[in-house]
Amino acid sequence: MGFLSVLSYAHKLATERLQPGGIAVDATAGTGADTLFLAKTAGSRGRVFAFDIQEEALALTRQRLTKEPAEQLAEVSLHLASHSLMKNSIPAEYHGKVSVIMFNLGYLPADRSDKQIITLPESTLSALENSLEMLAPGGVVTVVLYPGHEGGRQEAAAVEDWASALSSRTAQAVMYRGIQRPDAPYLIALERKKTL
C-alpha cells in the first residue's frame, strides 16, 4: 500500500481542517492544483484566496478552475502578488478565521516556465509569520519544501529553523519526510494553538 506522498499528506491534513463554507489560502498557486483542491473542499459557500508572483501561474490556475462546475467550488480570488502580502490582500474580516493555508515552494512546474523564478526564504518566512495571524485556532499551515533545486535547500533549512523556534504555545510543528532520499520533497505542517 505504501505511505502517502507528501502532497497527498498535505491534502489529508487540509481536509481534516477545512469544512464546507470555510476559508482557505493557497499561498503559492503554481498550476492551481492546491487552489482547486481547496475550492472543492470549501464548497460553494467557502472562500479561497490564491497568490502567485507569475501571471502564467494565475492563468494556469484560472484555466484549471474553469474546467470544473462553478456551483461546486468556493469563490476564488486570484492575486498577482507575493505570498508575503497575503495579510494586506485578504480582507480584515477573514483574519483569524482561515482554516487552511497551503504553501508549495520552489518554482512553477510548467513546461515553459522560468525555473530561475523561485520562492525565497525572506518572503516565505514573512508569509509564514502572517499565516499564523490569519489562521483560526486549530487551523493548519502546510509547507511542501523542495531541497533538490538551486536555492531550495537554503529555503528548506530556513523554514525548518523558523518552525523549530516557534513556541509550542503558538503552534505545534511536525515534519513528514522520507529519510532515504535527502533531496526529495518533504512537508512541515503547523497547527495554530488558541493563543498567539
C-alpha atoms as a PDB file:
ATOM      1  CA  MET A   1       0.000   0.000   0.000  1.00  0.00           C
ATOM      2  CA  GLY A   2       2.781   2.471   0.847  1.00  0.00           C
ATOM      3  CA  PHE A   3       2.811   5.799   2.630  1.00  0.00           C
ATOM      4  CA  LEU A   4       1.000   8.849   1.322  1.00  0.00           C
ATOM      5  CA  SER A   5       3.007  11.161  -0.912  1.00  0.00           C
ATOM      6  CA  VAL A   6       3.999  14.476   0.614  1.00  0.00           C
ATOM      7  CA  LEU A   7       1.344  16.315  -1.419  1.00  0.00           C
ATOM      8  CA  SER A   8      -1.342  13.764  -0.522  1.00  0.00           C
ATOM      9  CA  TYR A   9      -0.476  14.078   3.143  1.00  0.00           C
ATOM     10  CA  ALA A  10      -0.726  17.877   2.914  1.00  0.00           C
ATOM     11  CA  HIS A  11      -4.198  17.448   1.356  1.00  0.00           C
ATOM     12  CA  LYS A  12      -5.194  14.999   4.091  1.00  0.00           C
ATOM     13  CA  LEU A  13      -4.261  17.497   6.806  1.00  0.00           C
ATOM     14  CA  ALA A  14      -6.146  20.245   4.974  1.00  0.00           C
ATOM     15  CA  THR A  15      -9.255  18.084   4.528  1.00  0.00           C
ATOM     16  CA  GLU A  16      -9.356  17.426   8.272  1.00  0.00           C
ATOM     17  CA  ARG A  17      -9.498  21.201   8.994  1.00  0.00           C
ATOM     18  CA  LEU A  18     -11.391  22.787   6.095  1.00  0.00           C
ATOM     19  CA  GLN A  19     -15.158  22.409   6.337  1.00  0.00           C
ATOM     20  CA  PRO A  20     -17.761  23.351   3.707  1.00  0.00           C
ATOM     21  CA  GLY A  21     -18.165  27.119   3.873  1.00  0.00           C
ATOM     22  CA  GLY A  22     -14.653  27.555   5.278  1.00  0.00           C
ATOM     23  CA  ILE A  23     -11.883  29.937   4.290  1.00  0.00           C
ATOM     24  CA  ALA A  24      -8.544  28.840   2.835  1.00  0.00           C
ATOM     25  CA  VAL A  25      -5.426  30.306   1.231  1.00  0.00           C
ATOM     26  CA  ASP A  26      -3.180  28.878  -1.467  1.00  0.00           C
ATOM     27  CA  ALA A  27      -0.059  30.916  -0.799  1.00  0.00           C
ATOM     28  CA  THR A  28       1.714  29.667  -3.964  1.00  0.00           C
ATOM     29  CA  ALA A  29      -0.872  28.977  -6.671  1.00  0.00           C
ATOM     30  CA  GLY A  30       1.524  27.470  -9.217  1.00  0.00           C
ATOM     31  CA  THR A  31      -0.507  25.360 -11.650  1.00  0.00           C
ATOM     32  CA  GLY A  32      -3.625  25.645  -9.489  1.00  0.00           C
ATOM     33  CA  ALA A  33      -3.810  22.092  -8.143  1.00  0.00           C
ATOM     34  CA  ASP A  34      -3.994  23.182  -4.492  1.00  0.00           C
ATOM     35  CA  THR A  35      -6.304  26.098  -5.311  1.00  0.00           C
ATOM     36  CA  LEU A  36      -8.767  23.723  -6.985  1.00  0.00           C
ATOM     37  CA  PHE A  37      -8.490  21.218  -4.144  1.00  0.00           C
ATOM     38  CA  LEU A  38      -9.248  23.947  -1.590  1.00  0.00           C
ATOM     39  CA  ALA A  39     -12.120  25.355  -3.690  1.00  0.00           C
ATOM     40  CA  LYS A  40     -13.736  21.907  -3.920  1.00  0.00           C
ATOM     41  CA  THR A  41     -13.221  21.192  -0.224  1.00  0.00           C
ATOM     42  CA  ALA A  42     -14.620  24.555   0.945  1.00  0.00           C
ATOM     43  CA  GLY A  43     -17.563  24.194  -1.448  1.00  0.00           C
ATOM     44  CA  SER A  44     -19.922  26.801  -2.832  1.00  0.00           C
ATOM     45  CA  ARG A  45     -20.263  28.706   0.458  1.00  0.00           C
ATOM     46  CA  GLY A  46     -16.484  28.923   1.032  1.00  0.00           C
ATOM     47  CA  ARG A  47     -13.773  31.395   0.092  1.00  0.00           C
ATOM     48  CA  VAL A  48     -10.296  30.731  -1.289  1.00  0.00           C
ATOM     49  CA  PHE A  49      -7.541  33.286  -1.817  1.00  0.00           C
ATOM     50  CA  ALA A  50      -4.664  32.269  -4.108  1.00  0.00           C
ATOM     51  CA  PHE A  51      -1.351  34.092  -4.570  1.00  0.00           C
ATOM     52  CA  ASP A  52       1.461  33.898  -7.094  1.00  0.00           C
ATOM     53  CA  ILE A  53       4.025  36.353  -8.454  1.00  0.00           C
ATOM     54  CA  GLN A  54       3.726  34.998 -12.013  1.00  0.00           C
ATOM     55  CA  GLU A  55       0.842  35.811 -14.337  1.00  0.00           C
ATOM     56  CA  GLU A  56       1.423  32.444 -16.039  1.00  0.00           C
ATOM     57  CA  ALA A  57       0.672  30.669 -12.769  1.00  0.00           C
ATOM     58  CA  LEU A  58      -2.579  32.545 -12.304  1.00  0.00           C
ATOM     59  CA  ALA A  59      -3.552  31.818 -15.917  1.00  0.00           C
ATOM     60  CA  LEU A  60      -2.931  28.092 -15.340  1.00  0.00           C
ATOM     61  CA  THR A  61      -4.931  28.250 -12.111  1.00  0.00           C
ATOM     62  CA  ARG A  62      -7.808  30.084 -13.802  1.00  0.00           C
ATOM     63  CA  GLN A  63      -7.803  27.507 -16.615  1.00  0.00           C
ATOM     64  CA  ARG A  64      -7.921  24.621 -14.129  1.00  0.00           C
ATOM     65  CA  LEU A  65     -10.808  26.210 -12.212  1.00  0.00           C
ATOM     66  CA  THR A  66     -12.914  26.843 -15.324  1.00  0.00           C
ATOM     67  CA  LYS A  67     -12.894  23.118 -16.163  1.00  0.00           C
ATOM     68  CA  GLU A  68     -14.949  22.403 -13.028  1.00  0.00           C
ATOM     69  CA  PRO A  69     -18.639  23.106 -12.337  1.00  0.00           C
ATOM     70  CA  ALA A  70     -18.594  26.595 -10.779  1.00  0.00           C
ATOM     71  CA  GLU A  71     -21.532  25.830  -8.487  1.00  0.00           C
ATOM     72  CA  GLN A  72     -19.434  23.191  -6.699  1.00  0.00           C
ATOM     73  CA  LEU A  73     -16.492  25.483  -5.986  1.00  0.00           C
ATOM     74  CA  ALA A  74     -15.789  28.154  -3.406  1.00  0.00           C
ATOM     75  CA  GLU A  75     -15.466  31.746  -4.528  1.00  0.00           C
ATOM     76  CA  VAL A  76     -11.799  32.074  -5.545  1.00  0.00           C
ATOM     77  CA  SER A  77      -9.840  35.335  -5.589  1.00  0.00           C
ATOM     78  CA  LEU A  78      -6.575  35.236  -7.541  1.00  0.00           C
ATOM     79  CA  HIS A  79      -3.852  37.694  -6.530  1.00  0.00           C
ATOM     80  CA  LEU A  80      -0.808  38.569  -8.631  1.00  0.00           C
ATOM     81  CA  ALA A  81       1.305  39.195  -5.544  1.00  0.00           C
ATOM     82  CA  SER A  82       3.883  37.651  -3.251  1.00  0.00           C
ATOM     83  CA  HIS A  83       2.599  35.330  -0.556  1.00  0.00           C
ATOM     84  CA  SER A  84       4.249  37.703   1.911  1.00  0.00           C
ATOM     85  CA  LEU A  85       1.466  40.212   1.106  1.00  0.00           C
ATOM     86  CA  MET A  86      -1.454  37.927   1.987  1.00  0.00           C
ATOM     87  CA  LYS A  87      -2.272  39.752   5.208  1.00  0.00           C
ATOM     88  CA  ASN A  88      -2.687  43.035   3.313  1.00  0.00           C
ATOM     89  CA  SER A  89      -4.585  41.448   0.425  1.00  0.00           C
ATOM     90  CA  ILE A  90      -7.153  39.409   2.360  1.00  0.00           C
ATOM     91  CA  PRO A  91      -9.991  41.464   3.900  1.00  0.00           C
ATOM     92  CA  ALA A  92      -9.623  42.009   7.654  1.00  0.00           C
ATOM     93  CA  GLU A  93     -12.947  40.263   8.293  1.00  0.00           C
ATOM     94  CA  TYR A  94     -11.227  36.949   7.461  1.00  0.00           C
ATOM     95  CA  HIS A  95      -8.140  37.467   9.650  1.00  0.00           C
ATOM     96  CA  GLY A  96      -8.054  34.856  12.381  1.00  0.00           C
ATOM     97  CA  LYS A  97     -10.721  32.789  10.605  1.00  0.00           C
ATOM     98  CA  VAL A  98      -8.727  30.916   7.938  1.00  0.00           C
ATOM     99  CA  SER A  99      -8.834  27.118   8.334  1.00  0.00           C
ATOM    100  CA  VAL A 100      -6.011  26.138   5.964  1.00  0.00           C
ATOM    101  CA  ILE A 101      -3.047  27.857   4.306  1.00  0.00           C
ATOM    102  CA  MET A 102      -1.053  25.793   1.815  1.00  0.00           C
ATOM    103  CA  PHE A 103       2.471  26.530   0.560  1.00  0.00           C
ATOM    104  CA  ASN A 104       4.087  24.542  -2.245  1.00  0.00           C
ATOM    105  CA  LEU A 105       7.508  26.178  -2.509  1.00  0.00           C
ATOM    106  CA  GLY A 106      10.097  26.156  -5.296  1.00  0.00           C
ATOM    107  CA  TYR A 107       9.338  27.104  -8.890  1.00  0.00           C
ATOM    108  CA  LEU A 108       6.395  26.916 -11.271  1.00  0.00           C
ATOM    109  CA  PRO A 109       6.355  23.311 -12.568  1.00  0.00           C
ATOM    110  CA  ALA A 110       5.050  24.197 -16.029  1.00  0.00           C
ATOM    111  CA  ASP A 111       6.793  23.275 -19.286  1.00  0.00           C
ATOM    112  CA  ARG A 112       7.632  26.811 -20.405  1.00  0.00           C
ATOM    113  CA  SER A 113       8.140  28.413 -17.002  1.00  0.00           C
ATOM    114  CA  ASP A 114      11.330  30.137 -15.933  1.00  0.00           C
ATOM    115  CA  LYS A 115      12.897  27.789 -13.364  1.00  0.00           C
ATOM    116  CA  GLN A 116      15.064  30.679 -12.165  1.00  0.00           C
ATOM    117  CA  ILE A 117      11.987  32.306 -10.590  1.00  0.00           C
ATOM    118  CA  ILE A 118      11.789  30.600  -7.200  1.00  0.00           C
ATOM    119  CA  THR A 119      10.355  31.270  -3.790  1.00  0.00           C
ATOM    120  CA  LEU A 120      12.889  32.915  -1.484  1.00  0.00           C
ATOM    121  CA  PRO A 121      13.484  32.483   2.252  1.00  0.00           C
ATOM    122  CA  GLU A 122      12.857  36.155   3.110  1.00  0.00           C
ATOM    123  CA  SER A 123       9.384  36.367   1.574  1.00  0.00           C
ATOM    124  CA  THR A 124       8.475  32.825   2.621  1.00  0.00           C
ATOM    125  CA  LEU A 125       9.340  33.448   6.284  1.00  0.00           C
ATOM    126  CA  SER A 126       7.380  36.710   6.221  1.00  0.00           C
ATOM    127  CA  ALA A 127       4.411  34.860   4.699  1.00  0.00           C
ATOM    128  CA  LEU A 128       4.628  32.137   7.333  1.00  0.00           C
ATOM    129  CA  GLU A 129       4.599  34.741  10.111  1.00  0.00           C
ATOM    130  CA  ASN A 130       1.496  36.297   8.549  1.00  0.00           C
ATOM    131  CA  SER A 131      -0.085  32.863   8.203  1.00  0.00           C
ATOM    132  CA  LEU A 132      -0.127  32.300  11.935  1.00  0.00           C
ATOM    133  CA  GLU A 133      -2.059  35.551  12.376  1.00  0.00           C
ATOM    134  CA  MET A 134      -4.503  34.629   9.613  1.00  0.00           C
ATOM    135  CA  LEU A 135      -5.311  31.157  10.982  1.00  0.00           C
ATOM    136  CA  ALA A 136      -8.222  30.313  13.210  1.00  0.00           C
ATOM    137  CA  PRO A 137      -7.297  28.363  16.351  1.00  0.00           C
ATOM    138  CA  GLY A 138      -6.878  24.743  15.241  1.00  0.00           C
ATOM    139  CA  GLY A 139      -6.165  25.850  11.672  1.00  0.00           C
ATOM    140  CA  VAL A 140      -3.259  24.358   9.781  1.00  0.00           C
ATOM    141  CA  VAL A 141      -0.446  25.576   7.545  1.00  0.00           C
ATOM    142  CA  THR A 142       1.145  23.030   5.203  1.00  0.00           C
ATOM    143  CA  VAL A 143       4.538  23.794   3.659  1.00  0.00           C
ATOM    144  CA  VAL A 144       5.910  21.484   0.950  1.00  0.00           C
ATOM    145  CA  LEU A 145       9.657  22.039   0.633  1.00  0.00           C
ATOM    146  CA  TYR A 146      11.880  21.105  -2.318  1.00  0.00           C
ATOM    147  CA  PRO A 147      15.562  20.888  -1.287  1.00  0.00           C
ATOM    148  CA  GLY A 148      16.632  19.350  -4.612  1.00  0.00           C
ATOM    149  CA  HIS A 149      16.744  22.543  -6.722  1.00  0.00           C
ATOM    150  CA  GLU A 150      19.072  25.548  -6.691  1.00  0.00           C
ATOM    151  CA  GLY A 151      18.142  27.612  -3.635  1.00  0.00           C
ATOM    152  CA  GLY A 152      15.710  25.005  -2.344  1.00  0.00           C
ATOM    153  CA  ARG A 153      17.979  23.579   0.325  1.00  0.00           C
ATOM    154  CA  GLN A 154      18.597  27.047   1.811  1.00  0.00           C
ATOM    155  CA  GLU A 155      14.887  27.846   1.853  1.00  0.00           C
ATOM    156  CA  ALA A 156      14.036  24.471   3.417  1.00  0.00           C
ATOM    157  CA  ALA A 157      16.653  24.997   6.142  1.00  0.00           C
ATOM    158  CA  ALA A 158      15.316  28.491   6.867  1.00  0.00           C
ATOM    159  CA  VAL A 159      11.737  27.206   7.175  1.00  0.00           C
ATOM    160  CA  GLU A 160      12.857  24.334   9.435  1.00  0.00           C
ATOM    161  CA  ASP A 161      14.782  26.728  11.680  1.00  0.00           C
ATOM    162  CA  TRP A 162      11.796  29.085  11.855  1.00  0.00           C
ATOM    163  CA  ALA A 163       9.327  26.285  12.665  1.00  0.00           C
ATOM    164  CA  SER A 164      11.675  24.765  15.264  1.00  0.00           C
ATOM    165  CA  ALA A 165      11.937  28.107  17.056  1.00  0.00           C
ATOM    166  CA  LEU A 166       8.160  28.588  17.385  1.00  0.00           C
ATOM    167  CA  SER A 167       6.779  28.429  20.879  1.00  0.00           C
ATOM    168  CA  SER A 168       4.659  25.311  21.396  1.00  0.00           C
ATOM    169  CA  ARG A 169       2.056  27.665  22.891  1.00  0.00           C
ATOM    170  CA  THR A 170       1.766  29.349  19.468  1.00  0.00           C
ATOM    171  CA  ALA A 171       1.761  26.349  17.154  1.00  0.00           C
ATOM    172  CA  GLN A 172       2.586  22.683  17.017  1.00  0.00           C
ATOM    173  CA  ALA A 173       5.026  21.876  14.204  1.00  0.00           C
ATOM    174  CA  VAL A 174       5.522  18.441  12.623  1.00  0.00           C
ATOM    175  CA  MET A 175       7.584  17.105   9.737  1.00  0.00           C
ATOM    176  CA  TYR A 176       6.646  14.382   7.223  1.00  0.00           C
ATOM    177  CA  ARG A 177       9.655  13.157   5.291  1.00  0.00           C
ATOM    178  CA  GLY A 178      11.134  10.100   3.643  1.00  0.00           C
ATOM    179  CA  ILE A 179      14.612   9.559   5.044  1.00  0.00           C
ATOM    180  CA  GLN A 180      16.221   7.563   2.220  1.00  0.00           C
ATOM    181  CA  ARG A 181      16.247  10.405  -0.327  1.00  0.00           C
ATOM    182  CA  PRO A 182      17.559  13.623   1.251  1.00  0.00           C
ATOM    183  CA  ASP A 183      16.748  15.745  -1.828  1.00  0.00           C
ATOM    184  CA  ALA A 184      13.123  14.560  -2.050  1.00  0.00           C
ATOM    185  CA  PRO A 185      10.293  16.977  -1.228  1.00  0.00           C
ATOM    186  CA  TYR A 186       9.031  16.964   2.351  1.00  0.00           C
ATOM    187  CA  LEU A 187       6.352  18.592   4.454  1.00  0.00           C
ATOM    188  CA  ILE A 188       6.302  20.795   7.506  1.00  0.00           C
ATOM    189  CA  ALA A 189       2.854  21.379   8.977  1.00  0.00           C
ATOM    190  CA  LEU A 190       1.811  23.798  11.700  1.00  0.00           C
ATOM    191  CA  GLU A 191      -1.342  23.758  13.785  1.00  0.00           C
ATOM    192  CA  ARG A 192      -2.192  27.059  15.425  1.00  0.00           C
ATOM    193  CA  LYS A 193      -2.924  26.957  19.128  1.00  0.00           C
ATOM    194  CA  LYS A 194      -5.584  29.046  20.807  1.00  0.00           C
ATOM    195  CA  THR A 195      -3.304  31.957  21.714  1.00  0.00           C
ATOM    196  CA  LEU A 196      -0.519  33.725  19.824  1.00  0.00           C
END
